[in-house]
Protein backbone atom coordinates (compact mmCIF):
# COMPACT_ATOMS: atom_id res chain seq x y z
CA MET A 1 73.07 132.95 286.94
CA LYS A 2 72.96 129.23 286.21
CA THR A 3 73.44 127.81 282.73
CA SER A 4 70.44 125.93 281.34
CA ILE A 5 71.31 122.35 280.40
CA PHE A 6 69.35 120.14 278.01
CA ALA A 7 69.63 116.36 278.11
CA GLY A 8 68.98 113.73 275.48
CA ILE A 9 68.86 110.09 276.58
CA ASP A 10 68.92 107.30 274.01
CA VAL A 11 67.86 104.06 275.69
CA GLY A 12 68.93 101.36 273.27
CA ALA A 13 68.42 97.64 273.67
CA SER A 14 72.17 97.24 274.23
CA ARG A 15 73.52 100.61 275.44
CA THR A 16 72.06 103.75 276.99
CA LYS A 17 73.64 107.04 275.94
CA VAL A 18 73.25 110.62 277.14
CA ILE A 19 74.30 113.99 275.71
CA LEU A 20 74.15 117.30 277.58
CA LEU A 21 73.86 120.57 275.63
CA ASP A 22 73.91 124.21 276.65
CA GLU A 23 71.66 126.92 275.20
CA LYS A 24 74.04 127.39 272.25
CA ARG A 25 73.93 123.65 271.44
CA ASN A 26 77.48 123.04 272.60
CA ILE A 27 78.07 119.48 273.80
CA LEU A 28 79.05 119.77 277.46
CA ALA A 29 79.16 116.12 278.48
CA ARG A 30 78.26 112.62 277.37
CA ALA A 31 78.18 109.13 278.87
CA VAL A 32 77.27 105.58 277.89
CA ARG A 33 76.68 102.30 279.71
CA ARG A 34 74.93 98.98 279.23
CA SER A 35 71.15 99.18 279.29
CA GLY A 36 70.77 95.92 281.20
CA THR A 37 67.29 94.86 282.32
CA ASP A 38 66.28 98.05 284.15
CA PHE A 39 66.06 100.82 281.55
CA SER A 40 65.01 103.45 284.07
CA ALA A 41 67.96 102.72 286.35
CA ALA A 42 70.37 102.74 283.41
CA ALA A 43 69.01 106.09 282.20
CA ALA A 44 69.24 107.64 285.67
CA ALA A 45 72.78 106.35 286.16
CA VAL A 46 74.07 107.52 282.79
CA LEU A 47 72.48 110.97 283.26
CA LYS A 48 74.07 111.29 286.70
CA GLU A 49 77.44 110.24 285.28
CA ALA A 50 77.29 113.00 282.68
CA LEU A 51 76.02 115.65 285.12
CA ASP A 52 78.75 114.76 287.61
CA THR A 53 81.37 115.97 285.14
CA LEU A 54 79.94 119.51 285.37
CA ASN A 55 79.92 122.04 288.23
CA PRO A 56 76.51 121.53 289.90
CA GLY A 57 76.46 125.07 291.20
CA ASN A 58 76.58 126.56 287.72
CA ILE A 59 73.99 124.47 285.86
CA GLU A 60 70.27 123.82 285.85
CA LEU A 61 68.80 120.81 284.03
CA THR A 62 65.97 122.48 282.13
CA LYS A 63 64.53 119.66 280.03
CA THR A 64 65.22 116.01 279.25
CA VAL A 65 63.98 114.12 276.20
CA ALA A 66 64.24 110.33 275.89
CA THR A 67 64.42 108.26 272.73
CA GLY A 68 65.27 104.71 271.74
CA TYR A 69 63.91 101.25 272.40
CA GLY A 70 63.29 101.84 276.13
CA ARG A 71 62.18 105.47 276.04
CA GLN A 72 58.72 104.71 277.46
CA ASN A 73 60.31 103.19 280.56
CA ILE A 74 61.90 106.44 281.75
CA PRO A 75 59.51 108.21 284.16
CA PHE A 76 61.57 111.32 284.88
CA VAL A 77 61.85 112.77 281.35
CA SER A 78 59.84 115.71 279.99
CA GLU A 79 59.06 114.11 276.64
CA THR A 80 59.81 111.14 274.40
CA LYS A 81 60.66 111.08 270.69
CA THR A 82 61.11 108.15 268.31
CA GLU A 83 64.65 107.03 267.55
CA ILE A 84 63.94 107.61 263.85
CA SER A 85 63.27 111.31 264.46
CA CYS A 86 66.22 111.70 266.83
CA HIS A 87 68.78 110.01 264.60
CA ALA A 88 67.65 112.15 261.69
CA ARG A 89 67.85 115.30 263.83
CA GLY A 90 71.26 114.39 265.27
CA CYS A 91 72.78 113.80 261.83
CA TYR A 92 71.17 116.89 260.33
CA HIS A 93 72.89 118.94 263.04
CA PHE A 94 76.25 118.07 261.48
CA PHE A 95 75.14 117.67 257.85
CA PRO A 96 72.28 120.14 257.15
CA ARG A 97 71.19 118.76 253.80
CA ALA A 98 69.25 115.90 252.27
CA MET A 99 70.80 112.55 253.14
CA THR A 100 70.31 108.87 253.87
CA VAL A 101 71.13 107.80 257.42
CA VAL A 102 72.12 104.22 258.22
CA ASP A 103 72.15 103.38 261.93
CA ILE A 104 73.69 100.03 262.90
CA GLY A 105 72.56 99.18 266.39
CA GLY A 106 73.01 96.34 268.81
CA GLN A 107 69.69 94.71 267.97
CA ASP A 108 68.37 96.43 264.83
CA ASN A 109 69.28 98.53 261.80
CA LYS A 110 67.59 101.69 260.63
CA ILE A 111 67.69 103.41 257.23
CA ILE A 112 66.27 106.94 257.36
CA THR A 113 65.76 109.34 254.47
CA VAL A 114 66.10 113.02 255.40
CA ALA A 115 64.97 115.97 253.24
CA ASP A 116 66.84 119.24 252.64
CA ASP A 117 64.96 120.93 255.48
CA GLY A 118 65.72 118.14 257.97
CA ARG A 119 62.33 116.42 257.75
CA ARG A 120 62.35 112.63 257.92
CA THR A 121 60.63 111.47 254.73
CA SER A 122 60.87 107.68 255.01
CA PHE A 123 62.50 104.90 257.01
CA ARG A 124 63.02 101.17 257.18
CA MET A 125 63.94 99.00 260.15
CA ASN A 126 65.23 95.45 260.42
CA ARG A 127 64.08 93.77 263.63
CA LYS A 128 63.41 90.26 262.42
CA CYS A 129 66.91 88.87 262.69
CA ALA A 130 70.21 89.65 264.43
CA ALA A 131 72.09 89.37 261.12
CA GLY A 132 73.60 92.70 260.20
CA THR A 133 73.53 94.08 263.76
CA GLY A 134 75.92 94.42 266.66
CA ALA A 135 74.50 91.23 268.17
CA PHE A 136 75.68 89.35 265.08
CA LEU A 137 79.26 90.58 265.51
CA GLU A 138 79.18 89.79 269.23
CA GLU A 139 78.09 86.22 268.50
CA MET A 140 80.75 85.79 265.83
CA ALA A 141 83.46 87.14 268.16
CA LEU A 142 82.46 84.47 270.68
CA ARG A 143 82.68 81.79 267.99
CA LEU A 144 86.14 83.01 267.02
CA ASP A 145 87.17 83.26 270.70
CA LEU A 146 88.13 86.91 270.20
CA PRO A 147 87.44 90.05 272.23
CA LEU A 148 84.91 92.16 270.35
CA ALA A 149 87.38 95.06 270.21
CA GLU A 150 89.82 92.95 268.15
CA LEU A 151 87.49 92.57 265.17
CA GLU A 152 88.17 96.07 263.80
CA PRO A 153 92.01 95.82 263.66
CA LEU A 154 91.79 92.30 262.24
CA ALA A 155 89.46 93.39 259.43
CA CYS A 156 91.67 96.39 258.65
CA ARG A 157 94.76 94.29 258.09
CA ALA A 158 93.09 91.53 256.07
CA THR A 159 94.64 91.04 252.64
CA GLY A 160 91.59 89.16 251.37
CA VAL A 161 87.97 88.54 252.32
CA VAL A 162 86.09 85.31 253.00
CA GLU A 163 82.49 85.88 251.91
CA LEU A 164 79.77 84.11 253.88
CA GLY A 165 76.71 82.72 252.17
CA SER A 166 74.46 82.32 255.20
CA TYR A 167 71.80 84.86 256.10
CA CYS A 168 71.09 83.48 259.58
CA THR A 169 73.32 84.18 262.58
CA VAL A 170 73.20 80.53 263.67
CA PHE A 171 74.10 79.23 260.21
CA SER A 172 76.78 81.90 259.84
CA ALA A 173 78.40 80.70 263.04
CA THR A 174 78.57 77.17 261.64
CA GLU A 175 79.96 78.50 258.35
CA VAL A 176 82.65 80.49 260.20
CA LEU A 177 83.78 77.36 262.04
CA GLU A 178 83.95 75.51 258.72
CA LYS A 179 86.07 78.30 257.19
CA ILE A 180 88.47 78.01 260.12
CA ARG A 181 88.66 74.24 259.65
CA GLN A 182 89.45 74.81 255.97
CA GLY A 183 92.42 76.95 256.92
CA TYR A 184 91.23 80.43 256.00
CA GLU A 185 92.99 83.27 257.83
CA VAL A 186 91.06 84.87 260.68
CA PRO A 187 91.47 88.49 259.42
CA ALA A 188 89.88 87.53 256.09
CA ILE A 189 87.01 85.80 257.93
CA VAL A 190 86.44 88.87 260.11
CA LYS A 191 86.40 91.11 257.05
CA GLY A 192 83.82 88.71 255.60
CA LEU A 193 81.71 89.20 258.73
CA PHE A 194 81.86 92.97 258.26
CA LEU A 195 80.89 92.49 254.62
CA SER A 196 77.93 90.36 255.70
CA VAL A 197 76.70 93.18 257.97
CA LEU A 198 76.87 95.68 255.12
CA LYS A 199 75.14 93.38 252.63
CA ARG A 200 72.23 92.84 255.03
CA ILE A 201 71.81 96.62 255.12
CA GLN A 202 72.03 96.95 251.34
CA GLU A 203 69.25 94.39 250.98
CA MET A 204 66.84 96.56 253.00
CA THR A 205 66.56 99.35 250.41
CA PRO A 206 68.67 101.12 247.76
CA LEU A 207 71.21 103.46 249.38
CA ASN A 208 71.77 106.90 247.93
CA GLU A 209 74.41 109.58 248.27
CA PRO A 210 75.16 111.27 250.65
CA LEU A 211 75.13 108.36 253.08
CA VAL A 212 75.71 109.00 256.79
CA MET A 213 76.47 106.00 259.04
CA THR A 214 75.82 106.07 262.79
CA GLY A 215 75.51 103.75 265.78
CA GLY A 216 77.71 102.06 268.33
CA VAL A 217 78.77 99.41 265.83
CA VAL A 218 80.08 102.14 263.51
CA ALA A 219 81.71 104.01 266.41
CA HIS A 220 83.71 100.94 267.41
CA ASN A 221 84.27 99.67 263.87
CA PRO A 222 84.83 102.71 261.60
CA TYR A 223 86.29 100.41 258.95
CA LEU A 224 82.66 99.57 258.13
CA VAL A 225 82.33 103.09 256.69
CA VAL A 226 85.39 102.52 254.50
CA MET A 227 84.03 99.17 253.31
CA MET A 228 80.58 100.60 252.60
CA SER A 229 82.18 103.32 250.47
CA GLY A 230 83.90 100.62 248.41
CA LEU A 231 80.67 98.67 247.98
CA LEU A 232 78.60 101.66 246.89
CA GLY A 233 81.15 103.42 244.72
CA PHE A 234 80.79 106.73 246.58
CA GLU A 235 82.07 107.97 249.91
CA ALA A 236 80.01 107.12 252.98
CA ILE A 237 80.57 109.43 255.93
CA SER A 238 80.04 109.39 259.69
CA PRO A 239 79.27 112.24 262.09
CA PRO A 240 81.33 113.05 265.18
CA LEU A 241 80.31 110.73 268.04
CA PRO A 242 78.32 108.32 265.83
CA GLN A 243 77.17 106.29 268.84
CA PHE A 244 75.48 109.39 270.28
CA ALA A 245 73.53 110.53 267.19
CA GLY A 246 70.18 109.58 268.73
CA ALA A 247 70.99 111.11 272.11
CA LEU A 248 72.14 114.30 270.40
CA GLY A 249 68.90 114.49 268.41
CA ALA A 250 66.89 114.08 271.63
CA ALA A 251 68.93 116.82 273.34
CA LEU A 252 68.40 119.13 270.37
CA TYR A 253 64.65 118.58 270.58
CA ALA A 254 64.83 119.38 274.31
CA GLN A 255 66.69 122.62 273.60
CA GLU A 256 64.44 123.67 270.70
CA LYS A 257 61.18 123.19 272.60
CA SER A 258 62.21 124.96 275.81
C-alpha cells in the first residue's frame, strides 16, 4: 500500500520552497530554488526535486496546496492559501501557543499575531520599500563587493556597530560608501545593516513576547535572531527550517483537509 504524501509549495518573489509530509505530519523531503520569472515552472521543478528524493513506488501525492506571492500562478495545485495563514500555521506546528511571527522575506516583511488556538488574529505587511528585506541586504552586499553569504560571519565578529540613518535603500547605499571612505571597519558596517533591517521591522508595530522569526533571510542570517533579542530585551526564537515555514503551513493544510 502506498504512503499518502502531502505537498506545500511556497512561491515567494525570490525563492520557491516545497515541503512534503506523510499522514503523520513527518517531513519527508524539502527543496528550494529561485522563483525566476516563471512561477509555475519553478513550482513544478522544486516539487519534482523533492519527490525525486523518495521512492516513487511507495508514495502517492494526495494533495498539494500553494501559498506565497505567486500562488495563483500554479495551475496544478488542489488549493491556495494566503502566506499569512500558512506562516502562522507552520510556526504554530512547532510552537502551539499564542505568539507573534516575524517573517523576513526577499521582497517584503510580515508580522503576524497568532492566538492560543492557532488562529491568526492580525497582521501587517511592508511592501512599499525594499528596506528591511532580503533585497536590501543583497543590494548592500553588492555595494560592499561581498558575497551575500559573507554578511552573517562578518556581523557576528563585529566588535562595534555603525548605525545607518537612512531609511531608503538607495540612500543607505550612499551612506555605506561614505562610512567606508571614513575608515569604518566592514564588520561593524555589516552589523549596522542587520540593525537597520531589524529597526524597519520594529517600526511596523510593537513586538510582543514570544516572538518567532522566520524566512530565508533569518535562515541564512540567524544572527538576526540574536540581535533582535538584544533589541527587545527578551529572547526571540526561530523554528526548525525557518525558510520553509510557509511551505510547511501549506503542507499541513493539505494534510488536514484530505
